[in-house]
Amino acid sequence: MAAPEVDPPAAAHRPPGLHRGLRMLGALLIVLSATTPASSVFIIAPGVIAQAGTGAFWSFAAAGVVGVFMAFVYAELASAYPLSGGEYAIVGRTLGRLPGFVVLGLIMITQLLILAVIALGVGTYLGVLFDGLDGPVVAAGTVAAATVVAIFDIKVNAVVTGIFLAIEMAALVVLAALGFLHVERPVTDLIAHPVVAGDSGLTAASAGLVAAATAVAIFSYNGYGSAVYFGEETHDAHRAIARTVLWALGITVAAELVPVTAVLLGAPDLNALFGADNMLDYFITARGGDTLNTVISLAIALAILNAVIAIMLLTSRLVFSSGRDGTWTKPVDRALTSVHPRFGTPWVATVLTGVLSAAACFLDEKFLLVVTGTSLVAVYAALCLAVIAGRRNGTTAHARYRMPWFPAAPVAALAALGYVIYQNARDEEIGRPSLGVTALVVALSAAYFVLVLRRRGGWELKGAADDDAVSPPP
């Protein structure tokens, strides 16, 4: 009589694993969709231009340098721990469980709410065709549609986001062409003589204004590090994810800096550009007409939908990982680790993410910006400390990618983040309250860890079934 089959010890009591169906290209397409260069150019760039004028060229260029520093940090850490928990799984294994759980609290709230912030932009750009749209309702519908798409196989999502990304990039190419085919001023003006709107016309843009705008431009590139969330679904993840991070950063910087430069060089009238309610509407209409402006507005609406799908994918992996690590109660954790039998995706975590984010679409938009505004600064800082600690305590010694010129990148990034915090502290409307909310989330997360998880017996960080990462420090 045959002996009954027994699960091997390494696989015993493990939740079902995610389907490893992505190659590097598929991961790159999803990550670029999450960074959504077109949305950054059309939504964030006008704010940078309003603050720094033509000095926005330097702001975006300097932000690109900071992005390189953080990309090095992400690439080395993701090479060591390509796990669906992303930043918190990395920090928990390098700095310890308590800092890791604090990062989980920051990322969880930020990701759930940032979906709503981005989705609220869909109604704005659809408004060129449909008057009187209810913004929150359109945003919630966008999140719901993204939730359905995100449940499907990860390869299907790579194809869908890749198609939308092509449309998004085409819109940026058109925008760049409109500027470079109608150059009004030499590029040396942007480099040596940047100007900004003043009380009596154009005036020189000071280094302080350019530096302050850099703090905003840094976040327009954010998203390249999200490649780590797909580490458990990517082949040869220890190598491929690091490469994906670096490629995503390079493509994102080019896709944003080039069209922004084109707009600054090709705007018919800088006074009119700086004073326009919607700078890019003014620019496109002036150079290409109303019809082209309508077409590009629809392309940007698709770009925002694409970003919502991509961020839904990575956020659901975060929620899935939190359940696998025993963060909540046993029934909740069991549900969150449910994997779709056909698609190999965390479908319950995806549905929960969609429901919470759709509900957040009906919150006050200023409240959403305050809650999400500065938490990313804290997470970036934690990663910089994590990569330094990992080199010192050996927890990242197995990484397949090692950044050049260590520790220049994390030290320089920490200095830049310190400046961002300083600028936010000066902003009484959004920045300062946001710093207070970030501190509150840190305190509540630490309290939950100490009063709930530690009393319950600890918090176990688990990886994929085939992950060979070393155990985290206590």
Protein backbone atom coordinates (compact mmCIF):
# COMPACT_ATOMS: atom_id res chain seq x y z
CA MET A 1 0.00 0.00 0.00
CA ALA A 2 1.44 3.37 -1.01
CA ALA A 3 2.40 5.76 1.75
CA PRO A 4 0.32 8.96 1.96
CA GLU A 5 1.85 12.07 0.44
CA VAL A 6 3.35 14.50 2.91
CA ASP A 7 4.15 18.15 2.19
CA PRO A 8 7.87 18.86 2.42
CA PRO A 9 8.79 20.70 5.64
CA ALA A 10 9.80 23.88 3.80
CA ALA A 11 6.35 24.17 2.28
CA ALA A 12 4.30 23.13 5.31
CA HIS A 13 1.85 25.71 6.59
CA ARG A 14 2.77 28.14 3.81
CA PRO A 15 -0.01 30.06 2.04
CA PRO A 16 -0.33 29.50 -1.70
CA GLY A 17 2.35 31.34 -3.68
CA LEU A 18 1.82 33.94 -6.38
CA HIS A 19 2.26 32.87 -9.99
CA ARG A 20 5.77 33.63 -11.24
CA GLY A 21 4.71 34.67 -14.73
CA LEU A 22 6.53 37.96 -15.38
CA ARG A 23 9.72 38.61 -17.31
CA MET A 24 11.67 41.82 -16.81
CA LEU A 25 9.88 43.58 -19.68
CA GLY A 26 6.45 42.85 -18.22
CA ALA A 27 7.54 44.10 -14.81
CA LEU A 28 8.99 47.24 -16.42
CA LEU A 29 5.72 48.01 -18.24
CA ILE A 30 3.72 47.79 -15.00
CA VAL A 31 6.24 49.85 -13.05
CA LEU A 32 6.35 52.60 -15.69
CA SER A 33 2.55 52.65 -15.60
CA ALA A 34 2.73 53.15 -11.82
CA THR A 35 5.18 56.04 -12.19
CA THR A 36 2.83 57.40 -14.93
CA PRO A 37 5.13 60.01 -16.54
CA ALA A 38 2.26 61.65 -18.46
CA SER A 39 0.22 62.21 -15.31
CA SER A 40 3.27 63.74 -13.63
CA VAL A 41 3.88 66.07 -16.59
CA PHE A 42 0.26 67.19 -16.78
CA ILE A 43 -0.57 67.31 -13.06
CA ILE A 44 2.67 67.85 -11.09
CA ALA A 45 4.87 69.73 -13.58
CA PRO A 46 2.57 72.81 -13.78
CA GLY A 47 3.01 73.25 -10.02
CA VAL A 48 6.78 73.10 -10.40
CA ILE A 49 6.67 75.62 -13.27
CA ALA A 50 4.40 77.94 -11.27
CA GLN A 51 6.95 77.90 -8.45
CA ALA A 52 10.24 78.05 -10.38
CA GLY A 53 9.26 79.37 -13.84
CA THR A 54 11.73 78.28 -16.50
CA GLY A 55 13.95 77.24 -13.60
CA ALA A 56 11.74 74.13 -13.56
CA PHE A 57 14.29 72.72 -16.02
CA TRP A 58 16.90 72.73 -13.26
CA SER A 59 14.36 71.48 -10.71
CA PHE A 60 13.55 68.40 -12.78
CA ALA A 61 17.21 67.82 -13.63
CA ALA A 62 18.25 68.00 -9.97
CA ALA A 63 15.34 65.74 -8.99
CA GLY A 64 16.64 63.24 -11.54
CA VAL A 65 19.99 63.17 -9.74
CA VAL A 66 18.24 62.48 -6.42
CA GLY A 67 16.23 59.81 -8.24
CA VAL A 68 19.46 58.09 -9.30
CA PHE A 69 20.59 57.99 -5.65
CA MET A 70 17.29 56.42 -4.54
CA ALA A 71 17.25 54.03 -7.51
CA PHE A 72 20.65 52.70 -6.42
CA VAL A 73 19.24 52.19 -2.91
CA TYR A 74 16.11 50.45 -4.18
CA ALA A 75 18.05 48.27 -6.62
CA GLU A 76 20.47 46.91 -4.02
CA LEU A 77 17.76 46.25 -1.43
CA ALA A 78 15.35 44.73 -3.95
CA SER A 79 18.13 42.51 -5.25
CA ALA A 80 18.49 41.12 -1.73
CA TYR A 81 14.77 40.89 -0.93
CA PRO A 82 12.51 40.85 -4.03
CA LEU A 83 9.38 40.29 -1.94
CA SER A 84 5.77 41.36 -2.41
CA GLY A 85 5.89 43.25 0.90
CA GLY A 86 8.13 45.82 -0.74
CA GLU A 87 9.66 48.45 1.52
CA TYR A 88 8.40 47.10 4.84
CA ALA A 89 9.65 43.58 4.10
CA ILE A 90 13.09 45.03 3.35
CA VAL A 91 13.28 47.36 6.36
CA GLY A 92 12.02 44.60 8.67
CA ARG A 93 14.87 42.34 7.56
CA THR A 94 17.62 44.95 7.80
CA LEU A 95 16.70 47.38 10.58
CA GLY A 96 14.41 45.11 12.61
CA ARG A 97 10.75 44.22 12.91
CA LEU A 98 9.57 47.39 14.70
CA PRO A 99 10.94 49.79 12.03
CA GLY A 100 9.58 47.39 9.40
CA PHE A 101 6.10 47.52 10.87
CA VAL A 102 6.20 51.31 11.08
CA VAL A 103 7.04 51.41 7.37
CA LEU A 104 4.14 49.02 6.72
CA GLY A 105 1.78 51.44 8.48
CA LEU A 106 3.05 54.39 6.44
CA ILE A 107 2.96 52.57 3.10
CA MET A 108 -0.41 50.90 3.71
CA ILE A 109 -2.25 54.16 4.37
CA THR A 110 -0.39 56.04 1.66
CA GLN A 111 -1.01 53.44 -1.06
CA LEU A 112 -4.71 53.01 -0.28
CA LEU A 113 -5.31 56.77 -0.34
CA ILE A 114 -3.00 57.63 -3.24
CA LEU A 115 -5.20 55.46 -5.46
CA ALA A 116 -8.05 57.84 -4.68
CA VAL A 117 -5.89 60.93 -5.23
CA ILE A 118 -4.86 59.71 -8.69
CA ALA A 119 -8.31 58.44 -9.67
CA LEU A 120 -9.83 61.85 -8.91
CA GLY A 121 -7.86 63.19 -11.87
CA VAL A 122 -9.85 61.12 -14.37
CA GLY A 123 -12.94 63.31 -14.11
CA THR A 124 -10.85 66.43 -14.68
CA TYR A 125 -9.60 65.25 -18.07
CA LEU A 126 -12.86 63.61 -19.13
CA GLY A 127 -14.51 66.95 -18.43
CA VAL A 128 -13.32 68.22 -21.83
CA LEU A 129 -15.98 65.97 -23.40
CA PHE A 130 -18.54 65.50 -20.64
CA ASP A 131 -19.70 68.50 -18.64
CA GLY A 132 -20.95 68.15 -15.09
CA LEU A 133 -19.21 64.90 -14.20
CA ASP A 134 -19.27 63.98 -10.52
CA GLY A 135 -15.55 63.69 -9.73
CA PRO A 136 -15.73 61.30 -6.75
CA VAL A 137 -18.22 59.01 -8.51
CA VAL A 138 -16.03 58.85 -11.64
CA ALA A 139 -12.98 58.20 -9.46
CA ALA A 140 -14.71 55.39 -7.55
CA GLY A 141 -15.82 53.85 -10.84
CA THR A 142 -12.24 54.05 -12.10
CA VAL A 143 -10.98 52.25 -8.99
CA ALA A 144 -13.68 49.58 -9.39
CA ALA A 145 -12.70 48.96 -13.03
CA ALA A 146 -9.02 48.77 -12.06
CA THR A 147 -9.88 46.25 -9.33
CA VAL A 148 -11.53 43.91 -11.81
CA VAL A 149 -8.59 44.12 -14.22
CA ALA A 150 -6.05 43.60 -11.41
CA ILE A 151 -7.56 40.23 -10.46
CA PHE A 152 -6.59 38.75 -13.82
CA ASP A 153 -3.27 37.02 -14.49
CA ILE A 154 -0.24 39.27 -14.00
CA LYS A 155 0.81 38.69 -17.63
CA VAL A 156 -2.58 39.98 -18.80
CA ASN A 157 -2.07 43.08 -16.66
CA ALA A 158 1.37 43.59 -18.17
CA VAL A 159 -0.20 43.59 -21.64
CA VAL A 160 -3.07 45.92 -20.64
CA THR A 161 -0.79 48.42 -18.90
CA GLY A 162 1.68 48.17 -21.79
CA ILE A 163 -1.02 49.21 -24.30
CA PHE A 164 -2.14 52.15 -22.16
CA LEU A 165 1.48 53.10 -21.53
CA ALA A 166 2.09 53.32 -25.29
CA ILE A 167 -0.81 55.79 -25.59
CA GLU A 168 0.57 57.77 -22.65
CA MET A 169 4.05 57.95 -24.15
CA ALA A 170 2.61 58.99 -27.52
CA ALA A 171 0.92 61.95 -25.83
CA LEU A 172 4.25 63.00 -24.34
CA VAL A 173 5.96 62.68 -27.73
CA VAL A 174 3.32 64.96 -29.27
CA LEU A 175 3.75 67.46 -26.43
CA ALA A 176 7.53 67.47 -26.90
CA ALA A 177 7.18 67.86 -30.66
CA LEU A 178 4.89 70.89 -30.24
CA GLY A 179 7.62 72.60 -28.24
CA PHE A 180 10.71 71.62 -30.19
CA LEU A 181 9.09 72.45 -33.55
CA HIS A 182 8.20 75.97 -32.34
CA VAL A 183 11.20 77.04 -30.25
CA GLU A 184 10.77 80.62 -28.99
CA ARG A 185 13.90 80.98 -26.84
CA PRO A 186 17.34 79.37 -26.69
CA VAL A 187 18.05 76.57 -24.24
CA THR A 188 20.78 78.75 -22.73
CA ASP A 189 18.01 80.94 -21.31
CA LEU A 190 16.74 77.98 -19.29
CA ILE A 191 20.23 77.08 -18.12
CA ALA A 192 21.79 80.46 -17.39
CA HIS A 193 18.87 82.90 -17.10
CA PRO A 194 15.76 81.18 -15.64
CA VAL A 195 12.81 83.49 -15.06
CA VAL A 196 9.61 83.33 -13.05
CA ALA A 197 6.41 85.39 -12.95
CA GLY A 198 6.72 88.49 -10.76
CA ASP A 199 4.44 91.35 -9.72
CA SER A 200 5.55 93.44 -12.68
CA GLY A 201 6.32 90.79 -15.30
CA LEU A 202 9.09 88.24 -15.58
CA THR A 203 11.89 88.31 -13.04
CA ALA A 204 14.95 86.17 -12.38
CA ALA A 205 14.22 82.85 -10.70
CA SER A 206 16.37 82.59 -7.59
CA ALA A 207 18.29 79.47 -6.60
CA GLY A 208 16.00 79.21 -3.58
CA LEU A 209 12.89 79.00 -5.75
CA VAL A 210 14.48 76.39 -7.98
CA ALA A 211 15.57 74.34 -4.97
CA ALA A 212 12.14 74.56 -3.36
CA ALA A 213 10.50 73.35 -6.57
CA THR A 214 12.98 70.46 -6.68
CA ALA A 215 11.30 69.08 -3.57
CA VAL A 216 8.10 68.71 -5.59
CA ALA A 217 9.84 67.44 -8.73
CA ILE A 218 11.45 64.58 -6.75
CA PHE A 219 8.04 63.03 -6.21
CA SER A 220 7.04 63.39 -9.86
CA TYR A 221 9.55 60.60 -10.59
CA ASN A 222 8.36 58.37 -7.74
CA GLY A 223 7.31 54.82 -8.56
CA TYR A 224 10.42 53.20 -10.03
CA GLY A 225 11.02 51.37 -6.75
CA SER A 226 7.63 49.65 -6.95
CA ALA A 227 9.28 46.94 -9.06
CA VAL A 228 10.08 45.13 -5.81
CA TYR A 229 6.38 44.39 -5.24
CA PHE A 230 6.44 42.05 -8.24
CA GLY A 231 9.55 40.18 -7.13
CA GLU A 232 7.61 37.03 -6.29
CA GLU A 233 6.04 37.01 -9.75
CA THR A 234 9.17 37.77 -11.81
CA HIS A 235 11.61 35.20 -13.13
CA ASP A 236 15.21 35.56 -11.86
CA ALA A 237 13.93 38.28 -9.54
CA HIS A 238 17.18 38.82 -7.63
CA ARG A 239 18.71 40.18 -10.84
CA ALA A 240 15.69 41.30 -12.88
CA ILE A 241 14.11 43.56 -10.24
CA ALA A 242 17.29 45.61 -9.74
CA ARG A 243 17.55 46.13 -13.49
CA THR A 244 13.86 47.03 -13.68
CA VAL A 245 14.31 49.72 -11.02
CA LEU A 246 17.22 51.33 -12.84
CA TRP A 247 15.59 51.18 -16.29
CA ALA A 248 12.31 52.55 -14.90
CA LEU A 249 14.08 55.54 -13.34
CA GLY A 250 16.01 56.34 -16.53
CA ILE A 251 12.95 56.13 -18.78
CA THR A 252 10.81 58.14 -16.34
CA VAL A 253 13.32 60.99 -16.08
CA ALA A 254 13.62 61.21 -19.87
CA ALA A 255 9.84 60.97 -20.38
CA GLU A 256 9.24 63.90 -18.01
CA LEU A 257 12.28 66.15 -18.42
CA VAL A 258 12.16 66.23 -22.25
CA PRO A 259 8.52 67.41 -22.65
CA VAL A 260 8.82 69.86 -19.75
CA THR A 261 11.88 71.36 -21.46
CA ALA A 262 9.97 71.49 -24.76
CA VAL A 263 7.09 73.40 -23.17
CA LEU A 264 9.46 75.92 -21.58
CA LEU A 265 11.28 76.45 -24.89
CA GLY A 266 8.21 76.51 -27.12
CA ALA A 267 5.60 78.44 -25.13
CA PRO A 268 4.48 81.41 -27.28
CA ASP A 269 4.33 83.74 -24.25
CA LEU A 270 5.85 82.93 -20.88
CA ASN A 271 3.63 85.43 -19.08
CA ALA A 272 0.56 83.75 -20.55
CA LEU A 273 1.93 80.29 -19.72
CA PHE A 274 2.67 81.15 -16.09
CA GLY A 275 -0.68 82.87 -15.65
CA ALA A 276 -2.86 80.20 -17.26
CA ASP A 277 -5.34 78.27 -15.09
CA ASN A 278 -4.19 75.11 -16.88
CA MET A 279 -0.72 75.65 -18.32
CA LEU A 280 -0.63 72.64 -20.61
CA ASP A 281 -4.14 73.27 -21.94
CA TYR A 282 -2.93 76.75 -22.88
CA PHE A 283 0.26 75.44 -24.48
CA ILE A 284 -1.37 72.63 -26.50
CA THR A 285 -4.26 74.81 -27.66
CA ALA A 286 -1.87 77.60 -28.68
CA ARG A 287 0.40 75.26 -30.64
CA GLY A 288 -1.97 72.53 -31.83
CA GLY A 289 -5.54 73.73 -31.52
CA ASP A 290 -8.62 72.69 -29.53
CA THR A 291 -9.06 69.30 -31.21
CA LEU A 292 -5.53 68.17 -30.37
CA ASN A 293 -6.02 69.39 -26.80
CA THR A 294 -9.15 67.23 -26.52
CA VAL A 295 -7.38 64.16 -27.90
CA ILE A 296 -4.44 64.57 -25.52
CA SER A 297 -6.79 65.16 -22.57
CA LEU A 298 -8.43 61.80 -23.29
CA ALA A 299 -5.00 60.18 -23.51
CA ILE A 300 -4.15 61.59 -20.08
CA ALA A 301 -7.42 60.21 -18.68
CA LEU A 302 -6.31 56.78 -19.97
CA ALA A 303 -2.87 57.34 -18.43
CA ILE A 304 -4.47 57.99 -15.04
CA LEU A 305 -6.61 54.84 -15.39
CA ASN A 306 -3.43 52.94 -16.27
CA ALA A 307 -1.70 54.30 -13.16
CA VAL A 308 -4.65 53.24 -11.00
CA ILE A 309 -4.43 49.69 -12.40
CA ALA A 310 -0.67 49.51 -11.80
CA ILE A 311 -0.85 50.93 -8.27
CA MET A 312 -3.78 48.62 -7.53
CA LEU A 313 -1.54 45.70 -8.49
CA LEU A 314 1.31 46.68 -6.18
CA THR A 315 -0.96 47.73 -3.28
CA SER A 316 -2.80 44.42 -3.35
CA ARG A 317 0.57 42.63 -3.13
CA LEU A 318 1.37 44.74 -0.07
CA VAL A 319 -1.95 43.79 1.55
CA PHE A 320 -1.38 40.12 0.63
CA SER A 321 2.07 40.18 2.25
CA SER A 322 0.73 41.78 5.44
CA GLY A 323 -1.69 38.88 5.80
CA ARG A 324 1.05 36.32 5.14
CA ASP A 325 3.12 37.87 7.93
CA GLY A 326 0.26 37.53 10.45
CA THR A 327 -0.38 41.23 10.89
CA TRP A 328 -4.10 41.08 11.61
CA THR A 329 -6.33 38.32 13.03
CA LYS A 330 -6.10 34.72 11.81
CA PRO A 331 -9.38 34.80 9.79
CA VAL A 332 -8.40 38.11 8.15
CA ASP A 333 -4.86 36.93 7.45
CA ARG A 334 -6.18 33.70 5.93
CA ALA A 335 -8.51 35.63 3.63
CA LEU A 336 -5.84 38.13 2.55
CA THR A 337 -3.50 35.32 1.49
CA SER A 338 -6.11 33.70 -0.76
CA VAL A 339 -4.73 33.23 -4.26
CA HIS A 340 -7.04 32.91 -7.26
CA PRO A 341 -6.91 29.27 -8.41
CA ARG A 342 -6.76 30.19 -12.09
CA PHE A 343 -4.93 33.51 -12.26
CA GLY A 344 -2.50 33.02 -9.37
CA THR A 345 -3.21 36.54 -8.04
CA PRO A 346 -4.13 37.73 -4.51
CA TRP A 347 -7.78 38.27 -5.37
CA VAL A 348 -9.22 38.89 -1.89
CA ALA A 349 -6.46 41.40 -1.11
CA THR A 350 -7.18 43.06 -4.47
CA VAL A 351 -10.92 43.34 -3.80
CA LEU A 352 -10.34 44.76 -0.31
CA THR A 353 -7.86 47.28 -1.72
CA GLY A 354 -10.42 48.33 -4.32
CA VAL A 355 -13.24 48.73 -1.81
CA LEU A 356 -11.19 50.83 0.61
CA SER A 357 -9.70 53.02 -2.14
CA ALA A 358 -13.09 53.55 -3.83
CA ALA A 359 -14.53 54.69 -0.49
CA ALA A 360 -11.57 57.08 -0.06
CA CYS A 361 -12.56 58.82 -3.32
CA PHE A 362 -15.38 60.50 -1.40
CA LEU A 363 -13.05 62.02 1.21
CA ASP A 364 -11.97 65.66 0.99
CA GLU A 365 -9.14 65.98 -1.53
CA LYS A 366 -7.11 68.31 0.70
CA PHE A 367 -7.37 65.75 3.50
CA LEU A 368 -6.05 63.07 1.14
CA LEU A 369 -3.08 65.25 0.20
CA VAL A 370 -2.29 66.00 3.85
CA VAL A 371 -2.36 62.32 4.84
CA THR A 372 -0.23 61.14 1.90
CA GLY A 373 2.02 64.18 1.46
CA THR A 374 5.16 63.39 3.47
CA SER A 375 4.95 59.71 4.46
CA LEU A 376 7.03 58.84 1.41
CA VAL A 377 9.87 60.97 2.80
CA ALA A 378 9.95 58.82 5.93
CA VAL A 379 9.90 55.62 3.87
CA TYR A 380 12.74 56.83 1.62
CA ALA A 381 14.78 57.75 4.70
CA ALA A 382 14.18 54.30 6.21
CA LEU A 383 15.40 52.65 3.00
CA CYS A 384 18.57 54.75 2.99
CA LEU A 385 19.28 53.67 6.57
CA ALA A 386 18.36 50.09 5.64
CA VAL A 387 20.91 49.86 2.84
CA ILE A 388 23.64 51.24 5.11
CA ALA A 389 22.66 48.85 7.92
CA GLY A 390 22.46 45.93 5.50
CA ARG A 391 26.07 46.45 4.45
CA ARG A 392 27.17 46.68 8.10
CA ASN A 393 25.23 43.76 9.61
CA GLY A 394 25.41 41.48 6.57
CA THR A 395 21.67 41.14 5.97
CA THR A 396 22.10 42.24 2.34
CA ALA A 397 25.36 40.40 1.72
CA HIS A 398 23.58 38.01 -0.67
CA ALA A 399 22.33 40.84 -2.95
CA ARG A 400 23.09 40.24 -6.64
CA TYR A 401 23.37 44.00 -7.28
CA ARG A 402 25.73 46.31 -5.39
CA MET A 403 25.51 50.05 -5.95
CA PRO A 404 28.62 51.99 -7.05
CA TRP A 405 30.37 54.51 -4.78
CA PHE A 406 28.69 53.29 -1.59
CA PRO A 407 27.69 55.03 0.70
CA ALA A 408 27.51 58.20 -1.43
CA ALA A 409 24.00 57.49 -2.77
CA PRO A 410 22.15 56.90 0.54
CA VAL A 411 23.99 59.74 2.30
CA ALA A 412 23.23 62.21 -0.53
CA ALA A 413 19.61 61.04 -0.65
CA LEU A 414 19.25 61.54 3.12
CA ALA A 415 20.55 65.10 2.74
CA ALA A 416 18.03 65.77 -0.05
CA LEU A 417 15.20 64.29 2.04
CA GLY A 418 16.20 66.52 4.95
CA TYR A 419 15.79 69.52 2.66
CA VAL A 420 12.36 68.23 1.54
CA ILE A 421 11.27 68.00 5.18
CA TYR A 422 12.49 71.55 5.75
CA GLN A 423 10.44 72.81 2.81
CA ASN A 424 7.36 70.94 4.00
CA ALA A 425 7.75 72.38 7.49
CA ARG A 426 7.55 75.87 5.95
CA ASP A 427 4.29 75.06 4.14
CA GLU A 428 1.50 75.80 6.61
CA GLU A 429 -1.32 74.64 4.33
CA ILE A 430 -0.27 71.09 3.35
CA GLY A 431 3.34 70.36 4.29
CA ARG A 432 3.32 71.05 8.03
CA PRO A 433 0.02 69.26 8.74
CA SER A 434 1.24 66.37 6.61
CA LEU A 435 4.38 66.02 8.72
CA GLY A 436 2.16 65.90 11.80
CA VAL A 437 0.00 63.15 10.27
CA THR A 438 3.11 61.17 9.33
CA ALA A 439 4.36 61.39 12.92
CA LEU A 440 0.93 60.25 14.16
CA VAL A 441 0.93 57.22 11.84
CA VAL A 442 4.43 56.31 13.04
CA ALA A 443 3.27 56.51 16.67
CA LEU A 444 0.10 54.46 16.08
CA SER A 445 2.00 51.81 14.11
CA ALA A 446 4.60 51.47 16.85
CA ALA A 447 1.86 51.22 19.48
CA TYR A 448 0.09 48.45 17.54
CA PHE A 449 3.35 46.53 17.21
CA VAL A 450 4.19 46.80 20.93
CA LEU A 451 0.70 46.39 22.40
CA VAL A 452 -0.75 43.83 19.97
CA LEU A 453 1.83 41.97 17.90
CA ARG A 454 4.52 41.67 20.55
CA ARG A 455 2.04 40.52 23.21
CA ARG A 456 0.63 38.02 20.74
CA GLY A 457 4.04 36.42 20.39
CA GLY A 458 5.76 38.53 17.76
CA TRP A 459 5.48 39.27 14.08
CA GLU A 460 6.91 36.71 11.70
CA LEU A 461 8.26 37.96 8.39
CA LYS A 462 7.74 35.33 5.72
CA GLY A 463 8.92 35.23 2.13
CA ALA A 464 7.88 33.32 -0.94
CA ALA A 465 8.14 29.54 -0.78
CA ASP A 466 11.28 29.64 -2.92
CA ASP A 467 12.89 32.62 -1.16
CA ASP A 468 16.24 31.92 0.45
CA ALA A 469 16.61 35.22 2.30
CA VAL A 470 18.30 35.22 5.68
CA SER A 471 16.26 35.66 8.83
CA PRO A 472 15.56 39.24 9.94
CA PRO A 473 17.17 40.70 13.02
CA PRO A 474 15.03 40.61 16.20
